[in-house]
Amino acid sequence: MGILNRTINKALQWNNIDVSVDEMVNLIETKLVANCTEKELGKLKKGIKKTWVLAVGRGNYVRHYPSVSSSVYITMNFNPLLHTLSQITLCDTTTKEEFFIPKGKHNLRLLQETILSKL
């Protein structure tokens, strides 16, 4: 899914930026958490806890937190066959940037735990 996302971003002239888990946590704190309302933070906290979904169709295996209408949001992609979390990215629509962490379940779990501890 990462290759498809990066290709789409290139066609739409978005920047694909690879960051470490610590840099992603810092970006989430400064760009997203600082500008969220209390209700959005509740949805973000509930959404970040998810490690699997019962995915049926594209609408169910791509989740956006706190909301796509925000200028900055987290996108969580779930594998439609295994129903497990496969990717977490941070999208900034004002600067047209999407931030990616290195692949791997360890990095995803570390990011989730760190964000939840900060919220």
N, C-alpha and C. Protein backbone atom coordinates (compact mmCIF):
# COMPACT_ATOMS: atom_id res chain seq x y z
N MET A 1 0.82 -1.19 0.00
CA MET A 1 0.00 0.00 0.00
C MET A 1 0.86 1.25 0.00
N GLY A 2 2.04 1.18 0.61
CA GLY A 2 2.93 2.34 0.66
C GLY A 2 3.37 2.79 -0.73
N ILE A 3 3.66 1.85 -1.60
CA ILE A 3 4.10 2.19 -2.95
C ILE A 3 2.97 2.85 -3.71
N LEU A 4 1.75 2.35 -3.56
CA LEU A 4 0.59 2.95 -4.21
C LEU A 4 0.36 4.37 -3.70
N ASN A 5 0.43 4.56 -2.38
CA ASN A 5 0.26 5.89 -1.80
C ASN A 5 1.31 6.87 -2.31
N ARG A 6 2.55 6.42 -2.38
CA ARG A 6 3.63 7.30 -2.84
C ARG A 6 3.45 7.67 -4.32
N THR A 7 2.99 6.73 -5.13
CA THR A 7 2.76 7.00 -6.55
C THR A 7 1.63 8.01 -6.73
N ILE A 8 0.56 7.82 -5.98
CA ILE A 8 -0.56 8.77 -6.05
C ILE A 8 -0.11 10.16 -5.59
N ASN A 9 0.67 10.21 -4.52
CA ASN A 9 1.18 11.49 -4.03
C ASN A 9 2.05 12.18 -5.07
N LYS A 10 2.87 11.41 -5.76
CA LYS A 10 3.74 11.99 -6.80
C LYS A 10 2.90 12.57 -7.93
N ALA A 11 1.84 11.86 -8.32
CA ALA A 11 0.96 12.36 -9.38
C ALA A 11 0.23 13.62 -8.94
N LEU A 12 -0.12 13.71 -7.66
CA LEU A 12 -0.82 14.89 -7.13
C LEU A 12 0.13 15.98 -6.67
N GLN A 13 1.43 15.76 -6.86
CA GLN A 13 2.49 16.69 -6.49
C GLN A 13 2.56 16.93 -4.99
N TRP A 14 2.46 15.86 -4.23
CA TRP A 14 2.66 15.89 -2.79
C TRP A 14 4.07 15.42 -2.50
N ASN A 15 4.64 15.87 -1.37
CA ASN A 15 5.95 15.42 -0.94
C ASN A 15 5.82 14.19 -0.07
N ASN A 16 6.57 13.15 -0.37
CA ASN A 16 6.64 11.95 0.46
C ASN A 16 7.88 12.08 1.33
N ILE A 17 7.70 12.12 2.63
CA ILE A 17 8.82 12.34 3.54
C ILE A 17 8.92 11.15 4.50
N ASP A 18 10.10 10.51 4.52
CA ASP A 18 10.35 9.41 5.44
C ASP A 18 10.93 9.99 6.73
N VAL A 19 10.33 9.60 7.86
CA VAL A 19 10.78 10.07 9.16
C VAL A 19 10.90 8.88 10.12
N SER A 20 11.65 9.08 11.19
CA SER A 20 11.75 8.03 12.21
C SER A 20 10.51 8.07 13.09
N VAL A 21 10.37 7.09 13.95
CA VAL A 21 9.22 7.03 14.84
C VAL A 21 9.21 8.24 15.78
N ASP A 22 10.37 8.60 16.32
CA ASP A 22 10.45 9.74 17.23
C ASP A 22 10.09 11.05 16.52
N GLU A 23 10.54 11.21 15.29
CA GLU A 23 10.19 12.41 14.52
C GLU A 23 8.69 12.45 14.24
N MET A 24 8.10 11.28 13.96
CA MET A 24 6.66 11.22 13.70
C MET A 24 5.88 11.61 14.95
N VAL A 25 6.30 11.14 16.10
CA VAL A 25 5.63 11.50 17.35
C VAL A 25 5.70 13.01 17.56
N ASN A 26 6.86 13.58 17.31
CA ASN A 26 7.03 15.03 17.45
C ASN A 26 6.13 15.79 16.48
N LEU A 27 6.05 15.33 15.24
CA LEU A 27 5.17 15.96 14.25
C LEU A 27 3.71 15.87 14.66
N ILE A 28 3.30 14.72 15.16
CA ILE A 28 1.91 14.54 15.58
C ILE A 28 1.58 15.47 16.73
N GLU A 29 2.52 15.62 17.67
CA GLU A 29 2.29 16.53 18.80
C GLU A 29 2.17 17.97 18.35
N THR A 30 3.07 18.41 17.47
CA THR A 30 3.09 19.82 17.08
C THR A 30 2.04 20.17 16.03
N LYS A 31 1.83 19.31 15.05
CA LYS A 31 0.91 19.64 13.97
C LYS A 31 -0.53 19.24 14.24
N LEU A 32 -0.74 18.14 14.97
CA LEU A 32 -2.09 17.61 15.11
C LEU A 32 -2.67 17.83 16.51
N VAL A 33 -2.01 17.33 17.51
CA VAL A 33 -2.55 17.36 18.87
C VAL A 33 -2.72 18.80 19.36
N ALA A 34 -1.79 19.67 19.02
CA ALA A 34 -1.86 21.06 19.48
C ALA A 34 -3.08 21.79 18.92
N ASN A 35 -3.62 21.34 17.78
CA ASN A 35 -4.74 22.03 17.13
C ASN A 35 -6.06 21.29 17.24
N CYS A 36 -6.11 20.18 17.95
CA CYS A 36 -7.33 19.38 18.07
C CYS A 36 -8.21 19.87 19.20
N THR A 37 -9.51 19.69 19.02
CA THR A 37 -10.45 19.95 20.10
C THR A 37 -10.47 18.73 21.02
N GLU A 38 -11.14 18.86 22.15
CA GLU A 38 -11.23 17.76 23.11
C GLU A 38 -11.94 16.54 22.49
N LYS A 39 -12.97 16.80 21.70
CA LYS A 39 -13.72 15.72 21.05
C LYS A 39 -12.85 15.00 20.01
N GLU A 40 -12.09 15.78 19.24
CA GLU A 40 -11.20 15.18 18.24
C GLU A 40 -10.09 14.37 18.91
N LEU A 41 -9.58 14.85 20.04
CA LEU A 41 -8.56 14.09 20.76
C LEU A 41 -9.11 12.76 21.26
N GLY A 42 -10.37 12.75 21.68
CA GLY A 42 -11.00 11.50 22.10
C GLY A 42 -11.09 10.51 20.96
N LYS A 43 -11.50 11.00 19.77
CA LYS A 43 -11.58 10.13 18.59
C LYS A 43 -10.20 9.63 18.18
N LEU A 44 -9.21 10.53 18.26
CA LEU A 44 -7.84 10.16 17.90
C LEU A 44 -7.32 9.07 18.84
N LYS A 45 -7.54 9.25 20.13
CA LYS A 45 -7.08 8.26 21.11
C LYS A 45 -7.75 6.91 20.90
N LYS A 46 -9.05 6.92 20.64
CA LYS A 46 -9.79 5.68 20.38
C LYS A 46 -9.30 5.01 19.09
N GLY A 47 -9.05 5.81 18.06
CA GLY A 47 -8.61 5.26 16.78
C GLY A 47 -7.20 4.72 16.80
N ILE A 48 -6.29 5.39 17.51
CA ILE A 48 -4.90 4.96 17.57
C ILE A 48 -4.76 3.62 18.27
N LYS A 49 -5.69 3.28 19.16
CA LYS A 49 -5.63 2.01 19.88
C LYS A 49 -5.86 0.81 18.97
N LYS A 50 -6.46 1.02 17.80
CA LYS A 50 -6.83 -0.10 16.93
C LYS A 50 -5.61 -0.77 16.33
N THR A 51 -5.58 -2.08 16.39
CA THR A 51 -4.52 -2.85 15.75
C THR A 51 -5.08 -3.75 14.66
N TRP A 52 -6.40 -3.90 14.62
CA TRP A 52 -7.05 -4.70 13.57
C TRP A 52 -8.47 -4.19 13.38
N VAL A 53 -9.02 -4.45 12.21
CA VAL A 53 -10.43 -4.16 11.91
C VAL A 53 -10.98 -5.29 11.06
N LEU A 54 -12.27 -5.44 11.10
CA LEU A 54 -12.93 -6.38 10.21
C LEU A 54 -13.18 -5.63 8.91
N ALA A 55 -12.23 -5.68 8.00
CA ALA A 55 -12.25 -4.85 6.80
C ALA A 55 -13.07 -5.51 5.69
N VAL A 56 -14.05 -4.79 5.22
CA VAL A 56 -14.85 -5.23 4.08
C VAL A 56 -14.98 -4.02 3.16
N GLY A 57 -14.26 -4.02 2.06
CA GLY A 57 -14.31 -2.88 1.16
C GLY A 57 -13.34 -1.80 1.57
N ARG A 58 -12.97 -0.92 0.65
CA ARG A 58 -11.97 0.12 0.90
C ARG A 58 -12.37 1.07 2.02
N GLY A 59 -13.63 1.40 2.13
CA GLY A 59 -14.07 2.35 3.14
C GLY A 59 -13.79 1.90 4.55
N ASN A 60 -13.64 0.61 4.76
CA ASN A 60 -13.41 0.11 6.11
C ASN A 60 -11.95 -0.14 6.43
N TYR A 61 -11.07 -0.26 5.45
CA TYR A 61 -9.70 -0.54 5.82
C TYR A 61 -8.79 0.67 5.72
N VAL A 62 -9.31 1.83 5.37
CA VAL A 62 -8.57 3.08 5.46
C VAL A 62 -9.32 3.97 6.43
N ARG A 63 -8.65 4.35 7.52
CA ARG A 63 -9.28 5.18 8.54
C ARG A 63 -8.51 6.49 8.66
N HIS A 64 -9.24 7.59 8.88
CA HIS A 64 -8.64 8.91 9.03
C HIS A 64 -8.99 9.45 10.41
N TYR A 65 -7.97 9.92 11.14
CA TYR A 65 -8.19 10.48 12.47
C TYR A 65 -7.47 11.80 12.58
N PRO A 66 -8.05 12.84 13.14
CA PRO A 66 -9.40 12.89 13.66
C PRO A 66 -10.44 13.01 12.58
N SER A 67 -10.11 13.63 11.42
CA SER A 67 -11.10 13.77 10.36
C SER A 67 -10.40 14.19 9.08
N VAL A 68 -10.94 13.79 7.95
CA VAL A 68 -10.35 14.17 6.66
C VAL A 68 -10.57 15.66 6.40
N SER A 69 -11.59 16.25 6.99
CA SER A 69 -11.86 17.67 6.77
C SER A 69 -10.83 18.56 7.45
N SER A 70 -10.04 18.02 8.39
CA SER A 70 -8.98 18.78 9.02
C SER A 70 -7.82 18.95 8.05
N SER A 71 -7.00 19.97 8.27
CA SER A 71 -5.86 20.17 7.38
C SER A 71 -4.73 19.19 7.69
N VAL A 72 -4.70 18.65 8.91
CA VAL A 72 -3.71 17.65 9.29
C VAL A 72 -4.45 16.47 9.90
N TYR A 73 -4.15 15.25 9.43
CA TYR A 73 -4.82 14.07 9.96
C TYR A 73 -3.92 12.85 9.83
N ILE A 74 -4.23 11.84 10.63
CA ILE A 74 -3.51 10.57 10.58
C ILE A 74 -4.32 9.60 9.73
N THR A 75 -3.64 8.91 8.84
CA THR A 75 -4.27 7.87 8.03
C THR A 75 -3.74 6.52 8.49
N MET A 76 -4.65 5.63 8.80
CA MET A 76 -4.28 4.27 9.19
C MET A 76 -4.81 3.31 8.13
N ASN A 77 -3.91 2.55 7.54
CA ASN A 77 -4.28 1.56 6.53
C ASN A 77 -4.21 0.18 7.15
N PHE A 78 -5.27 -0.60 6.92
CA PHE A 78 -5.34 -1.96 7.43
C PHE A 78 -5.30 -2.92 6.25
N ASN A 79 -4.65 -4.04 6.41
CA ASN A 79 -4.57 -5.07 5.38
C ASN A 79 -5.95 -5.71 5.24
N PRO A 80 -6.56 -5.66 4.04
CA PRO A 80 -7.92 -6.19 3.88
C PRO A 80 -8.00 -7.72 3.98
N LEU A 81 -6.89 -8.41 3.80
CA LEU A 81 -6.90 -9.87 3.89
C LEU A 81 -6.64 -10.37 5.31
N LEU A 82 -5.70 -9.74 5.99
CA LEU A 82 -5.34 -10.16 7.34
C LEU A 82 -6.05 -9.34 8.42
N HIS A 83 -6.65 -8.21 8.02
CA HIS A 83 -7.38 -7.33 8.93
C HIS A 83 -6.48 -6.69 9.99
N THR A 84 -5.18 -6.63 9.75
CA THR A 84 -4.25 -6.05 10.70
C THR A 84 -3.73 -4.71 10.20
N LEU A 85 -3.21 -3.91 11.10
CA LEU A 85 -2.67 -2.60 10.76
C LEU A 85 -1.42 -2.76 9.90
N SER A 86 -1.36 -2.04 8.78
CA SER A 86 -0.20 -2.17 7.90
C SER A 86 0.59 -0.88 7.74
N GLN A 87 -0.04 0.29 8.01
CA GLN A 87 0.67 1.55 7.80
C GLN A 87 -0.02 2.68 8.55
N ILE A 88 0.79 3.59 9.11
CA ILE A 88 0.28 4.83 9.71
C ILE A 88 1.05 5.98 9.07
N THR A 89 0.33 6.96 8.54
CA THR A 89 0.97 8.14 7.97
C THR A 89 0.31 9.40 8.54
N LEU A 90 1.04 10.50 8.45
CA LEU A 90 0.52 11.80 8.83
C LEU A 90 0.43 12.64 7.57
N CYS A 91 -0.75 13.18 7.28
CA CYS A 91 -0.97 13.98 6.07
C CYS A 91 -1.21 15.43 6.45
N ASP A 92 -0.52 16.34 5.77
CA ASP A 92 -0.70 17.77 5.96
C ASP A 92 -1.15 18.34 4.62
N THR A 93 -2.43 18.71 4.52
CA THR A 93 -2.98 19.16 3.24
C THR A 93 -2.58 20.60 2.90
N THR A 94 -2.19 21.40 3.88
CA THR A 94 -1.81 22.78 3.58
C THR A 94 -0.45 22.85 2.90
N THR A 95 0.49 22.02 3.33
CA THR A 95 1.82 22.01 2.71
C THR A 95 1.99 20.87 1.71
N LYS A 96 0.95 20.04 1.54
CA LYS A 96 0.97 18.90 0.63
C LYS A 96 2.14 17.95 0.94
N GLU A 97 2.17 17.48 2.19
CA GLU A 97 3.20 16.56 2.63
C GLU A 97 2.55 15.35 3.29
N GLU A 98 3.12 14.17 3.04
CA GLU A 98 2.70 12.97 3.74
C GLU A 98 3.94 12.33 4.34
N PHE A 99 3.88 12.09 5.65
CA PHE A 99 5.02 11.58 6.40
C PHE A 99 4.84 10.08 6.63
N PHE A 100 5.88 9.31 6.34
CA PHE A 100 5.86 7.85 6.45
C PHE A 100 6.91 7.42 7.47
N ILE A 101 6.59 6.39 8.27
CA ILE A 101 7.58 5.77 9.15
C ILE A 101 8.08 4.51 8.47
N PRO A 102 9.26 3.99 8.89
CA PRO A 102 9.75 2.75 8.29
C PRO A 102 8.78 1.60 8.50
N LYS A 103 8.71 0.70 7.53
CA LYS A 103 7.80 -0.45 7.61
C LYS A 103 8.20 -1.36 8.75
N GLY A 104 7.22 -2.07 9.22
CA GLY A 104 7.47 -3.07 10.26
C GLY A 104 6.47 -2.94 11.39
N LYS A 105 6.03 -4.07 11.89
CA LYS A 105 5.06 -4.08 12.99
C LYS A 105 5.64 -3.46 14.25
N HIS A 106 6.94 -3.63 14.46
CA HIS A 106 7.56 -3.04 15.65
C HIS A 106 7.44 -1.51 15.63
N ASN A 107 7.72 -0.91 14.48
CA ASN A 107 7.62 0.56 14.36
C ASN A 107 6.19 1.04 14.54
N LEU A 108 5.22 0.31 13.98
CA LEU A 108 3.81 0.68 14.14
C LEU A 108 3.40 0.62 15.60
N ARG A 109 3.76 -0.45 16.27
CA ARG A 109 3.39 -0.64 17.68
C ARG A 109 4.07 0.41 18.56
N LEU A 110 5.34 0.69 18.28
CA LEU A 110 6.07 1.70 19.04
C LEU A 110 5.43 3.08 18.87
N LEU A 111 5.05 3.41 17.64
CA LEU A 111 4.39 4.69 17.38
C LEU A 111 3.06 4.78 18.12
N GLN A 112 2.26 3.73 18.06
CA GLN A 112 0.97 3.72 18.76
C GLN A 112 1.15 3.90 20.26
N GLU A 113 2.06 3.15 20.85
CA GLU A 113 2.27 3.23 22.30
C GLU A 113 2.78 4.60 22.72
N THR A 114 3.67 5.19 21.93
CA THR A 114 4.22 6.49 22.27
C THR A 114 3.17 7.58 22.17
N ILE A 115 2.36 7.54 21.11
CA ILE A 115 1.29 8.53 20.96
C ILE A 115 0.27 8.41 22.08
N LEU A 116 -0.12 7.18 22.41
CA LEU A 116 -1.10 6.99 23.48
C LEU A 116 -0.56 7.46 24.82
N SER A 117 0.73 7.31 25.07
CA SER A 117 1.30 7.79 26.32
C SER A 117 1.33 9.32 26.38
N LYS A 118 1.43 9.96 25.22
CA LYS A 118 1.45 11.43 25.16
C LYS A 118 0.05 12.03 25.26
N LEU A 119 -0.97 11.27 24.83
CA LEU A 119 -2.34 11.77 24.89
C LEU A 119 -2.85 11.62 26.30
